[in-house]
Protein backbone atom coordinates (compact mmCIF):
# COMPACT_ATOMS: atom_id res chain seq x y z
CA MET A 1 -44.15 10.30 29.71
CA LEU A 2 -42.47 12.27 32.35
CA ILE A 3 -43.72 15.62 31.15
CA ARG A 4 -47.19 14.15 30.97
CA LEU A 5 -47.00 13.27 34.69
CA VAL A 6 -46.07 16.58 35.57
CA VAL A 7 -48.78 18.07 33.67
CA PHE A 8 -51.43 16.12 35.37
CA ALA A 9 -49.88 16.83 38.64
CA LEU A 10 -50.02 20.52 38.07
CA PHE A 11 -53.57 20.02 36.96
CA VAL A 12 -54.62 18.29 40.26
CA LEU A 13 -53.03 20.63 42.52
CA LEU A 14 -54.59 23.65 40.79
CA LEU A 15 -58.00 22.06 40.87
CA ALA A 16 -57.51 21.28 44.53
CA TYR A 17 -56.43 24.75 45.25
CA GLY A 18 -59.54 26.06 43.43
CA PHE A 19 -61.92 23.87 45.49
CA SER A 20 -59.91 24.93 48.61
CA TRP A 21 -60.23 28.79 47.77
CA LEU A 22 -64.16 28.28 47.11
CA ALA A 23 -64.40 26.61 50.47
CA ASP A 24 -62.65 29.50 52.28
CA ARG A 25 -65.23 31.76 50.70
CA PRO A 26 -68.59 30.48 51.07
CA GLY A 27 -71.71 31.91 49.11
CA ASP A 28 -74.94 31.00 47.47
CA LEU A 29 -75.43 30.66 43.61
CA SER A 30 -79.16 31.38 42.57
CA LEU A 31 -80.48 30.71 39.17
CA ILE A 32 -83.90 32.00 37.82
CA TRP A 33 -85.35 30.09 35.10
CA GLU A 34 -88.94 30.14 33.80
CA GLY A 35 -89.92 31.99 36.90
CA GLN A 36 -88.42 29.46 39.18
CA ILE A 37 -85.70 30.11 41.45
CA TYR A 38 -82.95 27.66 41.74
CA GLN A 39 -80.32 28.21 44.69
CA THR A 40 -77.27 26.22 45.91
CA LYS A 41 -74.09 26.42 47.47
CA LEU A 42 -71.23 27.76 45.22
CA ILE A 43 -68.95 24.92 46.03
CA VAL A 44 -71.73 22.48 45.04
CA ALA A 45 -72.34 24.16 41.90
CA ALA A 46 -68.83 24.04 40.83
CA SER A 47 -68.74 20.30 41.67
CA ALA A 48 -71.72 19.69 39.69
CA ILE A 49 -70.22 21.40 36.47
CA ILE A 50 -66.65 19.82 36.68
CA ALA A 51 -68.52 16.15 36.90
CA LEU A 52 -70.80 17.36 33.92
CA VAL A 53 -67.73 18.36 32.08
CA ALA A 54 -65.97 14.69 32.81
CA ALA A 55 -69.26 12.99 32.19
CA VAL A 56 -69.27 14.42 28.36
CA MET A 57 -65.63 13.73 28.03
CA ILE A 58 -66.18 10.08 28.92
CA ALA A 59 -69.33 9.70 26.88
CA TRP A 60 -67.43 11.27 23.59
CA TRP A 61 -64.76 8.74 24.13
CA PHE A 62 -66.74 5.94 24.39
CA VAL A 63 -68.80 7.03 21.42
CA ARG A 64 -65.64 7.71 19.42
CA LEU A 65 -64.49 4.03 20.52
CA VAL A 66 -67.40 2.28 19.00
CA TRP A 67 -67.32 4.29 16.05
CA THR A 68 -63.84 3.63 15.16
CA SER A 69 -63.68 0.01 16.52
CA PRO A 70 -63.70 -1.47 13.03
CA HIS A 71 -60.43 0.41 11.73
CA SER A 72 -58.79 -0.10 15.26
CA VAL A 73 -59.05 -3.85 14.91
CA THR A 74 -57.97 -3.70 11.18
CA ARG A 75 -55.07 -1.76 12.27
CA TYR A 76 -54.27 -3.96 15.01
CA PHE A 77 -54.13 -7.10 13.03
CA ARG A 78 -52.14 -5.08 10.27
CA ALA A 79 -49.45 -4.00 12.78
CA ARG A 80 -49.32 -7.73 14.29
CA LYS A 81 -48.82 -9.05 10.44
CA ARG A 82 -46.23 -6.27 9.97
CA ASP A 83 -44.19 -7.13 13.21
CA ARG A 84 -44.19 -10.84 12.16
CA GLY A 85 -42.94 -9.82 8.87
CA TYR A 86 -40.13 -7.49 10.07
CA GLN A 87 -39.19 -10.32 12.60
CA ALA A 88 -38.76 -12.40 9.62
CA LEU A 89 -36.90 -9.93 7.69
CA SER A 90 -34.49 -9.45 10.60
CA THR A 91 -34.00 -13.38 10.88
CA GLY A 92 -33.27 -13.69 7.28
CA LEU A 93 -30.59 -10.86 7.16
CA ILE A 94 -29.02 -12.48 10.20
CA ALA A 95 -29.02 -15.96 8.22
CA ALA A 96 -27.68 -14.40 5.36
CA GLY A 97 -25.12 -12.62 7.08
CA ALA A 98 -24.10 -16.43 8.39
CA GLY A 99 -24.38 -17.94 5.09
CA ASN A 100 -27.38 -19.94 5.63
CA ALA A 101 -28.89 -19.88 2.35
CA LEU A 102 -31.88 -22.02 2.90
CA LEU A 103 -33.14 -20.04 6.14
CA ALA A 104 -32.49 -17.04 4.43
CA ARG A 105 -34.46 -17.62 1.24
CA LYS A 106 -37.41 -19.20 3.63
CA MET A 107 -37.65 -15.96 5.70
CA ALA A 108 -37.39 -13.84 2.50
CA ALA A 109 -40.52 -15.58 1.13
CA ARG A 110 -42.24 -15.23 4.57
CA SER A 111 -41.16 -11.33 4.84
CA ARG A 112 -42.45 -11.08 1.19
CA GLY A 113 -45.78 -12.49 2.00
CA LEU A 114 -46.13 -10.39 5.19
CA ILE A 115 -44.75 -7.15 4.03
CA ARG A 116 -45.23 -5.70 0.64
CA ALA A 117 -41.88 -5.10 -1.14
CA ASP A 118 -42.73 -1.39 -2.12
CA GLN A 119 -43.04 -0.82 1.30
CA GLU A 120 -40.02 -2.44 2.59
CA PRO A 121 -36.74 -2.28 -0.07
CA LEU A 122 -34.90 -4.37 2.50
CA ILE A 123 -36.85 -7.38 1.04
CA ASN A 124 -34.88 -7.14 -2.05
CA LEU A 125 -31.60 -6.98 -0.33
CA LEU A 126 -32.29 -10.09 1.46
CA GLU A 127 -33.37 -11.89 -1.64
CA ALA A 128 -30.15 -10.70 -3.34
CA GLN A 129 -28.06 -12.14 -0.55
CA ALA A 130 -29.64 -15.18 -0.59
CA ALA A 131 -29.22 -15.60 -4.17
CA LEU A 132 -25.36 -14.62 -3.98
CA ILE A 133 -24.89 -17.28 -1.46
CA GLU A 134 -26.82 -19.94 -3.64
CA GLY A 135 -24.43 -18.83 -6.40
CA ARG A 136 -27.48 -17.49 -8.57
CA HIS A 137 -25.72 -14.27 -9.74
CA ASP A 138 -27.93 -13.40 -12.43
CA GLU A 139 -31.11 -13.15 -10.28
CA ALA A 140 -28.78 -11.14 -7.42
CA ARG A 141 -27.69 -8.65 -10.34
CA ALA A 142 -31.41 -8.19 -11.48
CA LYS A 143 -32.08 -7.19 -7.71
CA PHE A 144 -29.38 -4.76 -7.47
CA GLU A 145 -30.70 -3.28 -10.71
CA ALA A 146 -34.10 -3.05 -9.10
CA MET A 147 -32.54 -1.38 -6.26
CA ALA A 148 -30.57 0.78 -8.09
CA ASN A 149 -33.72 2.44 -9.92
CA ASP A 150 -35.25 3.21 -6.59
CA PRO A 151 -34.11 6.57 -5.04
CA GLU A 152 -34.21 5.17 -1.71
CA THR A 153 -31.97 2.22 -2.36
CA ARG A 154 -29.74 3.36 -5.13
CA GLU A 155 -26.64 3.71 -3.44
CA LEU A 156 -27.12 -0.02 -2.15
CA GLY A 157 -27.86 -1.21 -5.71
CA LEU A 158 -25.13 0.38 -7.38
CA ARG A 159 -22.66 -0.97 -4.53
CA GLY A 160 -23.87 -4.36 -5.30
CA LEU A 161 -23.68 -3.94 -9.16
CA TYR A 162 -20.03 -2.57 -8.62
CA LEU A 163 -19.12 -5.80 -6.57
CA GLU A 164 -20.33 -8.05 -9.08
CA ALA A 165 -18.73 -6.32 -11.94
CA ARG A 166 -15.52 -6.67 -10.16
CA ARG A 167 -16.16 -10.21 -9.35
CA LEU A 168 -16.76 -10.65 -13.28
CA GLY A 169 -13.61 -8.86 -13.94
CA ALA A 170 -15.71 -6.27 -15.90
CA ASN A 171 -13.47 -3.28 -14.82
CA GLU A 172 -15.15 -0.85 -17.30
CA ALA A 173 -18.65 -1.55 -16.15
CA ALA A 174 -17.30 -1.32 -12.09
CA ARG A 175 -15.87 2.02 -13.22
CA GLN A 176 -19.06 3.16 -14.38
CA TYR A 177 -21.06 1.96 -11.51
CA ALA A 178 -18.38 3.54 -9.07
CA GLU A 179 -18.46 6.79 -10.87
CA LYS A 180 -22.21 7.04 -11.04
CA ALA A 181 -22.27 6.34 -7.15
CA ALA A 182 -19.47 9.26 -6.69
CA ASP A 183 -21.32 11.62 -8.65
CA ASN A 184 -24.61 10.98 -6.88
CA ALA A 185 -22.98 10.73 -3.56
CA PRO A 186 -19.30 11.86 -3.30
CA TYR A 187 -19.51 11.21 0.40
CA LEU A 188 -19.62 7.37 0.04
CA PRO A 189 -16.03 6.16 0.73
CA TRP A 190 -16.22 3.09 -1.48
CA ALA A 191 -17.45 4.82 -4.31
CA ALA A 192 -14.91 7.60 -3.88
CA GLN A 193 -12.22 5.36 -3.16
CA ALA A 194 -12.70 3.24 -6.31
CA THR A 195 -13.40 6.29 -8.53
CA LEU A 196 -9.92 7.94 -7.50
CA GLU A 197 -8.16 4.71 -8.17
CA TYR A 198 -9.88 4.43 -11.63
CA ARG A 199 -9.14 7.53 -12.48
CA SER A 200 -5.34 7.36 -11.22
CA GLN A 201 -4.99 4.12 -13.27
CA ALA A 202 -6.16 5.95 -16.62
CA GLY A 203 -3.69 9.00 -15.84
CA HIS A 204 -6.36 11.48 -15.47
CA TRP A 205 -4.61 13.16 -12.68
CA ASP A 206 -6.58 16.34 -12.71
CA ASP A 207 -9.89 14.76 -12.46
CA ALA A 208 -8.44 12.37 -9.65
CA ILE A 209 -7.36 15.69 -7.57
CA ARG A 210 -10.51 17.28 -8.09
CA LEU A 211 -12.47 14.46 -6.58
CA LEU A 212 -9.83 14.04 -3.93
CA GLU A 213 -10.74 17.65 -2.88
CA GLN A 214 -14.41 16.96 -2.86
CA GLN A 215 -13.72 14.00 -0.50
CA LYS A 216 -11.70 16.18 1.63
CA ALA A 217 -14.29 18.73 1.72
CA ALA A 218 -17.08 16.16 2.68
CA ARG A 219 -14.71 14.75 5.50
CA VAL A 220 -14.91 11.20 3.69
CA VAL A 221 -10.99 10.66 4.57
CA GLU A 222 -8.76 12.20 7.27
CA LYS A 223 -6.93 15.13 6.52
CA ALA A 224 -3.48 13.57 6.90
CA GLU A 225 -4.48 10.55 4.46
CA ALA A 226 -5.94 13.17 1.97
CA ASN A 227 -2.70 15.09 2.03
CA ARG A 228 -0.62 12.07 1.47
CA LEU A 229 -2.88 11.14 -1.29
CA HIS A 230 -2.87 14.42 -2.77
CA ALA A 231 1.06 14.57 -2.73
CA VAL A 232 1.18 11.27 -4.64
CA LEU A 233 -1.31 12.72 -7.20
CA LEU A 234 0.73 15.82 -7.59
CA THR A 235 3.90 13.72 -7.98
CA ALA A 236 2.57 11.74 -10.74
CA ARG A 237 1.52 14.64 -12.65
CA ALA A 238 4.74 16.03 -12.21
CA GLY A 239 6.36 13.29 -13.39
CA GLU A 240 4.53 13.34 -16.65
CA LYS A 241 5.56 16.90 -17.30
CA LEU A 242 8.99 16.79 -16.33
CA GLU A 243 10.17 16.16 -20.02
CA SER A 244 7.78 18.80 -21.60
CA ASN A 245 7.25 21.20 -19.08
CA PRO A 246 9.93 21.36 -16.29
CA THR A 247 8.44 24.61 -14.76
CA GLY A 248 5.13 22.88 -14.15
CA ALA A 249 6.76 19.70 -13.07
CA ARG A 250 8.58 22.01 -10.45
CA ASP A 251 5.46 23.53 -9.03
CA ASP A 252 3.57 20.44 -8.83
CA ALA A 253 6.43 18.55 -7.09
CA LEU A 254 7.21 21.54 -4.53
CA GLN A 255 3.52 21.64 -3.87
CA ALA A 256 3.83 17.70 -3.25
CA LEU A 257 6.43 18.46 -0.85
CA LYS A 258 4.65 21.04 1.35
CA LEU A 259 2.06 18.42 1.82
CA ALA A 260 4.38 15.48 2.55
CA ALA A 261 8.04 16.84 3.34
CA ASP A 262 9.58 13.54 3.32
CA PHE A 263 8.14 12.15 0.14
CA ILE A 264 11.24 11.07 -1.76
CA PRO A 265 9.64 11.01 -5.36
CA ALA A 266 8.40 14.28 -5.07
CA ALA A 267 11.88 15.43 -3.98
CA LEU A 268 13.43 13.78 -6.76
CA ILE A 269 11.24 15.25 -9.36
CA ALA A 270 11.51 18.79 -7.93
CA ALA A 271 15.61 18.39 -8.13
CA LYS A 272 15.53 17.12 -11.68
CA ALA A 273 13.25 19.95 -12.61
CA LEU A 274 15.49 22.36 -11.03
CA PHE A 275 18.57 20.82 -12.52
CA ARG A 276 17.23 21.55 -16.00
CA GLU A 277 16.32 25.25 -15.13
CA GLY A 278 19.92 25.70 -13.62
CA GLY A 279 18.55 25.95 -10.16
CA VAL A 280 21.30 23.53 -8.73
CA ARG A 281 21.84 25.44 -5.34
CA LYS A 282 17.98 25.22 -4.70
CA ALA A 283 17.69 21.59 -5.87
CA ALA A 284 20.47 20.49 -3.51
CA SER A 285 18.93 22.14 -0.67
CA ILE A 286 15.80 20.32 -1.29
CA LEU A 287 17.76 16.97 -1.56
CA GLU A 288 19.61 17.79 1.58
CA GLN A 289 16.31 18.56 3.69
CA THR A 290 15.02 15.12 2.38
CA TRP A 291 18.06 13.31 2.96
CA LYS A 292 18.00 14.54 6.43
CA SER A 293 14.57 13.02 7.36
CA ALA A 294 14.69 9.99 4.89
CA PRO A 295 18.09 8.89 3.27
CA HIS A 296 17.51 7.18 0.05
CA PRO A 297 20.04 5.92 -2.35
CA GLU A 298 18.32 7.72 -5.19
CA ILE A 299 18.89 10.85 -3.20
CA GLY A 300 22.50 10.41 -2.81
CA GLN A 301 23.05 9.68 -6.28
CA ALA A 302 21.15 12.79 -7.47
CA TYR A 303 23.11 14.93 -4.95
CA VAL A 304 26.34 13.61 -5.91
CA ARG A 305 25.79 14.11 -9.65
CA ALA A 306 24.35 17.50 -9.31
CA ARG A 307 26.75 18.96 -11.78
CA SER A 308 27.59 17.11 -14.82
CA GLY A 309 30.66 18.90 -15.15
CA ASP A 310 32.26 17.59 -11.77
CA SER A 311 35.29 15.59 -11.60
CA THR A 312 35.17 12.15 -9.40
CA LEU A 313 36.78 14.12 -6.49
CA ASP A 314 34.41 16.98 -6.47
CA ARG A 315 31.76 14.23 -6.52
CA LEU A 316 33.43 12.55 -3.61
CA LYS A 317 33.71 15.72 -1.64
CA ARG A 318 29.64 16.26 -2.08
CA ALA A 319 29.15 12.46 -0.81
CA GLU A 320 31.06 13.52 2.33
CA ARG A 321 29.22 16.64 2.83
CA LEU A 322 26.04 14.31 2.53
CA GLU A 323 27.48 11.80 5.13
CA GLY A 324 28.13 14.54 7.38
CA GLN A 325 24.27 15.30 7.73
CA ARG A 326 23.38 11.90 8.50
CA PRO A 327 26.61 10.28 10.09
CA ASN A 328 26.59 6.48 11.17
CA ASN A 329 23.98 5.55 8.51
CA VAL A 330 24.27 2.89 5.99
CA GLU A 331 22.95 4.83 2.94
CA SER A 332 25.54 7.66 3.81
CA LEU A 333 28.39 4.93 3.95
CA LEU A 334 27.50 3.53 0.87
CA VAL A 335 27.14 6.66 -0.96
CA VAL A 336 30.56 7.79 0.21
CA ALA A 337 31.96 4.40 -0.78
CA GLN A 338 30.89 4.39 -4.09
CA ALA A 339 32.11 8.01 -4.92
CA ALA A 340 35.43 6.89 -3.40
CA LEU A 341 35.62 3.97 -5.59
CA ASP A 342 34.99 6.05 -8.74
CA ALA A 343 37.64 8.43 -7.63
CA GLN A 344 39.87 5.44 -7.19
CA GLU A 345 40.48 5.93 -3.76
CA PHE A 346 40.24 2.24 -2.83
CA ALA A 347 41.13 2.44 0.81
CA LYS A 348 38.62 4.59 1.73
CA ALA A 349 35.85 3.07 -0.32
CA ARG A 350 36.74 -0.37 1.13
CA ALA A 351 36.50 1.44 4.79
CA LYS A 352 33.24 2.71 3.98
CA ALA A 353 31.68 -0.13 2.49
CA GLU A 354 33.08 -2.66 5.35
CA ALA A 355 31.63 -0.06 7.98
CA ALA A 356 28.13 -0.17 6.05
CA ALA A 357 28.32 -3.98 5.93
CA ARG A 358 29.18 -4.11 9.73
CA MET A 359 26.18 -1.61 10.45
CA GLN A 360 23.78 -3.64 8.42
CA PRO A 361 25.02 -6.55 6.07
CA ARG A 362 23.10 -6.74 3.16
CA GLU A 363 23.91 -7.32 -0.84
CA ALA A 364 24.80 -3.89 -1.73
CA ALA A 365 27.63 -3.59 0.60
CA TYR A 366 29.04 -6.77 -0.56
CA LEU A 367 28.54 -6.02 -4.08
CA LEU A 368 30.46 -2.83 -3.57
CA LEU A 369 33.17 -4.70 -1.86
CA ALA A 370 33.44 -6.89 -4.91
CA ASP A 371 33.51 -3.93 -7.32
CA ILE A 372 36.19 -2.39 -5.43
CA GLU A 373 38.40 -5.87 -5.22
CA GLU A 374 37.95 -5.85 -9.03
CA ALA A 375 39.03 -2.16 -9.63
CA GLU A 376 41.99 -2.24 -7.35
CA THR A 377 43.52 -5.92 -7.70
CA GLY A 378 41.59 -7.71 -10.23
CA ASP A 379 41.89 -10.92 -8.27
CA GLN A 380 38.90 -12.99 -9.40
CA GLY A 381 39.03 -15.35 -6.42
CA ARG A 382 38.41 -12.65 -3.94
CA VAL A 383 35.81 -10.82 -6.17
CA ARG A 384 34.10 -14.30 -6.22
CA HIS A 385 34.27 -14.57 -2.49
CA TRP A 386 32.36 -11.10 -2.01
CA LEU A 387 29.80 -12.00 -4.82
CA ALA A 388 29.27 -15.16 -2.69
CA GLN A 389 28.39 -13.13 0.50
CA ALA A 390 26.48 -10.97 -1.51
CA LEU A 391 24.20 -13.98 -2.52
CA LYS A 392 23.70 -14.82 1.08
CA ALA A 393 23.21 -11.59 2.49
CA PRO A 394 19.62 -9.90 2.86
CA ARG A 395 18.25 -8.21 -0.28
CA ASP A 396 18.49 -4.44 -0.34
CA PRO A 397 15.40 -2.37 -0.18
CA ALA A 398 13.30 -1.65 -3.31
CA TRP A 399 9.97 -0.05 -4.19
CA VAL A 400 7.37 -3.03 -3.35
CA ALA A 401 3.69 -2.72 -3.76
CA ASP A 402 1.56 -6.08 -3.46
CA GLY A 403 4.45 -8.22 -3.80
CA SER A 404 5.82 -6.70 -7.00
CA VAL A 405 9.19 -5.12 -7.10
CA SER A 406 9.73 -2.04 -9.31
CA ASP A 407 13.07 -0.42 -10.09
CA LYS A 408 11.30 2.96 -9.82
CA TRP A 409 8.57 4.27 -7.74
CA LEU A 410 4.90 4.11 -9.37
CA PRO A 411 1.80 5.99 -8.06
CA VAL A 412 -0.36 3.02 -8.66
CA SER A 413 0.04 -0.51 -7.91
CA PRO A 414 0.39 -2.68 -11.36
CA VAL A 415 -1.29 -5.53 -9.57
CA THR A 416 -4.53 -4.32 -7.61
CA GLY A 417 -4.32 -0.81 -8.96
CA ARG A 418 -4.32 0.53 -5.34
CA LEU A 419 -3.05 4.19 -5.36
CA ASP A 420 0.07 5.00 -3.14
CA ALA A 421 0.68 1.32 -2.83
CA PHE A 422 4.45 1.34 -3.23
CA GLU A 423 6.87 1.28 -0.16
CA TRP A 424 10.67 1.18 0.04
CA LYS A 425 11.47 -1.89 1.87
CA ALA A 426 13.00 -5.24 1.36
CA PRO A 427 11.46 -7.28 -1.01
CA PHE A 428 9.71 -10.29 0.32
CA GLY A 429 10.16 -9.28 3.97
CA GLN A 430 7.90 -11.87 5.34
CA ILE A 431 11.10 -14.26 4.80
CA GLU A 432 13.63 -13.74 7.96
CA GLY A 433 17.00 -14.97 8.09
CA ALA A 434 18.27 -17.67 5.77
CA LEU A 435 16.57 -19.73 3.48
CA GLU A 436 16.22 -23.47 5.31
CA ASP A 437 18.37 -25.35 2.81
CA GLY A 438 21.04 -22.74 1.67
CA PRO A 439 24.06 -21.32 3.96
CA ALA A 440 23.75 -18.81 6.46
CA PRO A 441 24.78 -15.32 5.73
CA ALA A 442 28.20 -14.54 7.53
CA SER A 443 29.13 -11.59 9.14
CA ILE A 444 31.59 -8.94 7.55
CA GLU A 445 34.33 -10.05 10.29
CA THR A 446 33.88 -13.57 9.35
CA ALA A 447 33.98 -12.65 5.53
CA LEU A 448 37.37 -10.99 5.96
CA LYS A 449 38.91 -13.81 7.82
CA THR A 450 37.80 -16.25 5.10
CA LEU A 451 38.88 -13.90 2.22
CA PRO A 452 41.58 -15.70 -0.13
CA PRO A 453 44.98 -14.29 0.05
CA LEU A 454 45.89 -11.84 -2.72
CA ARG A 455 47.16 -13.40 -5.89
CA ASP A 456 49.69 -11.89 -8.04
CA VAL A 457 47.64 -10.39 -10.68
CA ARG A 458 48.37 -7.30 -12.46
CA PRO A 459 46.00 -4.79 -12.08
CA GLU A 460 46.41 -3.12 -15.28
CA SER A 461 45.47 -6.28 -17.29
CA PRO A 462 42.69 -8.08 -15.05
CA VAL A 463 41.64 -11.66 -16.01
CA ASN A 464 38.07 -12.93 -16.12
CA ASP A 465 36.89 -16.31 -14.94
CA HIS A 466 36.96 -18.15 -18.11
CA ARG A 467 40.56 -17.12 -18.70
CA ILE A 468 41.46 -18.50 -15.17
CA ILE A 469 39.84 -21.76 -15.83
CA GLU A 470 41.88 -21.92 -19.28
CA LEU A 471 45.07 -21.22 -17.46
CA GLU A 472 44.44 -23.82 -14.88
CA ARG A 473 43.68 -26.58 -17.70
CA ALA A 474 47.05 -25.41 -19.53
CA ALA A 475 49.08 -25.94 -16.68
CA THR A 476 47.55 -29.28 -15.96
CA ILE A 477 47.88 -30.46 -19.75
CA ALA A 478 51.58 -29.51 -19.35
CA GLU A 479 52.37 -31.39 -16.59
CA ALA A 480 50.39 -34.52 -18.34
CA VAL A 481 52.23 -34.34 -21.44
CA ARG A 482 55.77 -33.93 -19.73
CA PRO A 483 58.35 -36.66 -21.06
CA THR A 484 59.49 -39.13 -18.34
CA PRO A 485 63.10 -38.92 -17.44
CA ALA A 486 65.51 -41.50 -18.63
CA PRO A 487 67.38 -43.86 -16.55
CA ARG A 488 71.03 -42.54 -15.42
CA SER A 489 72.48 -45.31 -17.48
CA ALA A 490 70.97 -44.34 -20.55
CA LYS A 491 71.84 -41.35 -22.49
CA PRO A 492 68.74 -39.11 -22.38
CA LYS A 493 67.03 -38.36 -25.55
CA PRO A 494 66.16 -34.85 -26.01
CA VAL A 495 62.63 -33.81 -26.49
CA GLU A 496 61.65 -30.98 -28.87
CA PRO A 497 58.73 -29.19 -27.09
CA VAL A 498 56.09 -27.67 -29.45
CA VAL A 499 56.68 -23.88 -29.47
CA SER A 500 54.32 -21.63 -31.33
CA ASP A 501 54.71 -17.78 -31.59
CA LYS A 502 51.68 -17.00 -29.20
CA ALA A 503 52.44 -19.88 -26.59
CA PRO A 504 55.14 -21.33 -24.39
CA ALA A 505 56.48 -25.01 -24.73
CA PRO A 506 54.60 -27.23 -22.54
CA SER A 507 57.64 -28.12 -20.55
CA GLU A 508 57.95 -24.57 -19.77
CA ALA A 509 54.67 -23.87 -18.77
CA LYS A 510 54.06 -22.53 -15.07
CA PRO A 511 51.52 -23.65 -12.59
CA PHE A 512 48.80 -20.96 -12.12
CA PHE A 513 49.51 -20.50 -8.56
CA GLY A 514 53.28 -19.78 -9.12
CA GLY A 515 52.67 -16.85 -11.46
CA LEU A 516 50.73 -16.21 -14.64
CA PRO A 517 52.36 -17.08 -18.08
CA ASP A 518 52.60 -14.64 -21.01
CA ASP A 519 49.77 -16.49 -22.56
CA PRO A 520 47.45 -19.35 -21.26
CA GLY A 521 46.77 -20.66 -24.97
CA VAL A 522 48.52 -23.75 -24.68
CA ARG A 523 46.75 -27.16 -24.85
CA ASP A 524 47.42 -30.97 -26.04
CA PRO A 525 46.56 -31.20 -29.50
CA ARG A 526 45.40 -34.84 -28.88
CA VAL A 527 42.76 -33.56 -26.25
CA GLU A 528 39.54 -32.29 -27.56
CA PRO A 529 39.03 -28.44 -26.31
CA GLU A 530 36.32 -28.14 -23.61
CA PRO A 531 33.74 -25.23 -23.69
CA LYS A 532 34.47 -22.26 -21.91
CA THR A 533 32.25 -21.70 -18.72
CA ARG A 534 31.63 -18.74 -16.74
CA LEU A 535 30.33 -18.56 -13.06
CA ARG A 536 27.28 -16.34 -13.00
CA LEU A 537 25.55 -14.99 -9.88
CA PHE A 538 22.24 -14.27 -9.93
């Protein structure tokens, strides 16, 4: 519009300049026609010519207006009808988005009456949405199929069919719709993501990697996210190759580490493949680099047990070297404590485990303290004390995806099929603190203060729970069947205790807290034996 105004202003200026130029140069214009001489001023003749041109243009416009008036009138009413139809279509789509099925159906019928459906495919979409809101899914699927057959609305129809198939649980049909949409338009995020997940669930890692590269080239996903997913797919493929093709597994895992340097599963697979090929030094270097960025118990275990022929002292030295790379870290302390326990250096193991519990009180530290107590003293009272602390302590981190806990990393969630869903975190992280009805977890200092005193238990032959219970019951029975002493005036009647080769006499049985008898298998023959019980902690 502005350009037209500028052009019109320039034309008026040129016309005014022309008249001004003629006025400054007066002259006469003579015309001889059929013997007659017609003479006039030049400026008058120019004005007459311009007026004549303007009159001809106005006359032509009027004639053209009269000639095209029927078509113009028809087009006017058609445009008005179309505008009303689009207004109804817009109102219907808004109603469908708001969940007003009655108004959406009414506006869809009005739109179809004002606009032809072949001219406006959004009418099919409005009718499909209204059918979905009203629960008429068969009609909605028919509309989506019609849209899928139309090149203009194929992608929209395929998405509707995909969502309907997912709703019905027809995963195979949903996969086909997603792959068809991805083949026709790889730039569609929903189709590419769904196809990528389906191929990953089926274990078609090569096809999934190829599709991911197409998405990356089409800029469907961000570069950082694409690199992360590429590393996940490479790690999954490496995991399948580890047993049959360690070299291929090593190459895939190393490539995954280039894309995601702190990806723990890739580092573990690369180290395992190198161990099988004899590259212990390179594998240890990979584990050390990963440990520096993300300490993980599986990394520590793989590093400590890198050489199968190492002694427990050698493994302890490797654990301490790993601790030096990430000091004041819970995982480092637990790795050293476990290695010290295996080497039977109980003082160091206990000190490291207690330090880990002070830094982050959780069940792994208390369970390790229970193992140390079992191996060093065999005192089941103290062992049960640490097990009780572990039961009340927060849970250890694990591989968690969509509420499902796995003992190992998986590329795909077993619940939703989502790729790269597993995270290393504490299960059920939404529950903070102790349970409402349960006891609150105590600190390590409180646990040490309430630790039962050490009993006189021989470390070389530790007793288990049900044996302790039998010993206590035997001592109680021995006290119950002990004969009553006779009065001083009467001569005491000797009582012969029942003595067997395997058990002491009841009168000679010692209480449990005063020392362990050689064999606790003593019981009153008149008393029915009670079933043995064992305390179990889950």
